[in-house]
Protein backbone atom coordinates (compact mmCIF):
# COMPACT_ATOMS: atom_id res chain seq x y z
CA UNK A 1 18.30 -29.81 50.04
CA UNK A 2 16.03 -27.27 48.30
CA UNK A 3 12.92 -29.18 49.36
CA UNK A 4 14.10 -29.27 52.97
CA UNK A 5 14.81 -25.52 52.88
CA UNK A 6 11.38 -24.88 51.37
CA UNK A 7 9.75 -27.02 54.08
CA UNK A 8 11.45 -24.99 56.82
CA UNK A 9 10.40 -21.75 55.14
CA UNK A 10 6.77 -22.92 54.91
CA UNK A 11 6.83 -24.10 58.54
CA UNK A 12 8.04 -20.74 59.78
CA UNK A 13 5.41 -18.94 57.67
CA UNK A 14 2.58 -20.96 59.17
CA UNK A 15 3.45 -20.33 62.84
CA UNK A 16 1.06 -18.28 64.98
CA UNK A 17 1.29 -14.53 64.55
CA UNK A 18 2.06 -14.23 68.31
CA UNK A 19 5.42 -15.80 67.63
CA UNK A 20 6.45 -13.21 65.04
CA UNK A 21 6.84 -10.31 67.43
CA UNK A 22 7.35 -7.00 65.68
CA UNK A 23 6.53 -8.23 62.20
CA UNK A 24 4.41 -6.22 59.83
CA UNK A 25 2.10 -7.50 57.11
CA UNK A 26 1.37 -6.20 53.65
CA UNK A 27 -2.04 -4.69 53.02
CA UNK A 28 -3.81 -7.27 50.81
CA UNK A 29 -6.08 -4.55 49.39
CA UNK A 30 -3.07 -2.85 47.82
CA UNK A 31 -2.20 -4.56 44.50
CA UNK A 32 1.37 -5.04 43.33
CA UNK A 33 2.44 -2.38 40.87
CA UNK A 34 5.15 -3.00 38.29
CA UNK A 35 8.11 -0.63 38.12
CA UNK A 36 8.61 1.75 35.23
CA UNK A 37 11.08 0.66 32.56
CA UNK A 38 14.11 0.16 32.90
CA UNK A 39 13.84 -0.41 36.65
CA UNK A 40 13.37 -3.83 38.24
CA UNK A 41 11.26 -4.30 41.36
CA UNK A 42 12.67 -6.53 44.09
CA UNK A 43 10.17 -7.66 46.72
CA UNK A 44 11.61 -9.23 49.86
CA UNK A 45 10.17 -10.56 53.10
CA UNK A 46 11.03 -12.75 56.05
CA UNK A 47 9.00 -14.90 58.40
CA UNK A 48 10.45 -15.22 61.91
CA UNK A 49 9.68 -17.75 64.64
CA UNK A 50 10.84 -16.15 67.87
CA UNK A 51 10.48 -19.33 69.96
CA UNK A 52 12.88 -21.36 67.80
CA UNK A 53 15.03 -18.53 66.44
CA UNK A 54 14.36 -19.76 62.91
CA UNK A 55 13.40 -17.74 59.88
CA UNK A 56 12.71 -18.06 56.19
CA UNK A 57 13.09 -15.44 53.48
CA UNK A 58 11.55 -14.90 50.10
CA UNK A 59 12.76 -12.65 47.28
CA UNK A 60 11.06 -12.01 43.93
CA UNK A 61 12.44 -9.85 41.11
CA UNK A 62 10.18 -8.65 38.27
CA UNK A 63 10.49 -6.20 35.42
CA UNK A 64 8.09 -3.58 34.08
CA UNK A 65 6.34 -6.27 32.00
CA UNK A 66 5.70 -8.29 35.20
CA UNK A 67 8.14 -10.96 33.98
CA UNK A 68 9.92 -12.96 36.67
CA UNK A 69 13.69 -12.48 36.49
CA UNK A 70 14.68 -14.26 39.66
CA UNK A 71 13.48 -15.57 42.97
CA UNK A 72 14.99 -16.98 46.12
CA UNK A 73 13.82 -18.72 49.27
CA UNK A 74 16.14 -19.59 52.11
CA UNK A 75 15.93 -20.65 55.75
CA UNK A 76 18.24 -19.52 58.55
CA UNK A 77 18.62 -20.62 62.15
CA UNK A 78 19.88 -18.83 65.28
CA UNK A 79 18.22 -15.52 64.41
CA UNK A 80 17.70 -13.30 67.49
CA UNK A 81 15.13 -10.78 66.23
CA UNK A 82 12.60 -9.94 63.55
CA UNK A 83 14.73 -6.89 62.63
CA UNK A 84 17.69 -9.13 61.85
CA UNK A 85 15.44 -11.51 59.89
CA UNK A 86 14.08 -8.69 57.73
CA UNK A 87 17.57 -7.19 57.32
CA UNK A 88 18.93 -10.57 56.23
CA UNK A 89 16.15 -10.82 53.63
CA UNK A 90 17.10 -7.43 52.20
CA UNK A 91 20.78 -8.36 52.19
CA UNK A 92 20.07 -11.59 50.28
CA UNK A 93 17.88 -9.61 47.84
CA UNK A 94 20.80 -7.26 47.21
CA UNK A 95 23.18 -10.18 46.71
CA UNK A 96 20.79 -11.72 44.17
CA UNK A 97 20.66 -8.45 42.22
CA UNK A 98 24.46 -8.33 42.12
CA UNK A 99 24.58 -11.95 40.95
CA UNK A 100 22.06 -11.18 38.18
CA UNK A 101 23.95 -7.95 37.34
CA UNK A 102 20.89 -5.75 37.93
CA UNK A 103 21.82 -2.19 38.81
CA UNK A 104 18.57 -0.25 38.42
CA UNK A 105 16.37 -1.73 41.10
CA UNK A 106 13.68 -0.67 43.53
CA UNK A 107 13.53 -2.71 46.75
CA UNK A 108 10.12 -3.18 48.33
CA UNK A 109 9.56 -4.74 51.74
CA UNK A 110 7.11 -4.46 54.59
CA UNK A 111 9.49 -3.60 57.44
CA UNK A 112 9.49 0.16 57.95
CA UNK A 113 12.32 -0.13 60.48
CA UNK A 114 14.63 -1.84 57.98
CA UNK A 115 13.69 0.49 55.11
CA UNK A 116 14.23 3.56 57.32
CA UNK A 117 17.60 2.21 58.53
CA UNK A 118 18.80 1.64 54.96
CA UNK A 119 17.61 5.04 53.77
CA UNK A 120 19.00 6.92 56.77
CA UNK A 121 22.10 9.05 56.38
CA UNK A 122 22.88 8.48 60.07
CA UNK A 123 24.97 5.53 61.23
CA UNK A 124 23.14 3.31 63.71
CA UNK A 125 25.00 0.53 65.47
CA UNK A 126 22.33 -0.16 68.12
CA UNK A 127 21.83 -3.63 66.57
CA UNK A 128 25.34 -4.63 67.67
CA UNK A 129 24.80 -4.12 71.40
C-alpha cells in the first residue's frame, strides 16, 4: 500500500505545471533554516493535478539540530482545488504533530493563501460555497 501511495504522489508531482493551477513554488535559492531550540519545524506541501482531481502531500518534521523526527506522504483523490490540497497538507501536518505529541512547532509551507487563512482572526467560509 505504501509503495502505491508513493507512486501516486510521485506521479502527481511530475505532472505539467499548467495542471497545478494556483500553486506556488519555493525559492530554491533560499536554504532551509532550522528552528531555534526547543521549537520543531514542520514543512508541508501538496502537489495537485487539476485534470484528475488527485493530489499528494508531503510533511517533514525536524528539530533545531536538523534531525528528522517524522515524515509523511499521502495521496488523496476527488480534490476540487489547489487551496483544498494545500489545506489538507497542513491539516495532516497538524495531525502528525499531535500524534508525535509535539506542541512547540513552526509550520512552514509555500501557500500564502492557506497561511493567511490560518493566521487570520476573521472567519472565512467562502471555501464551503
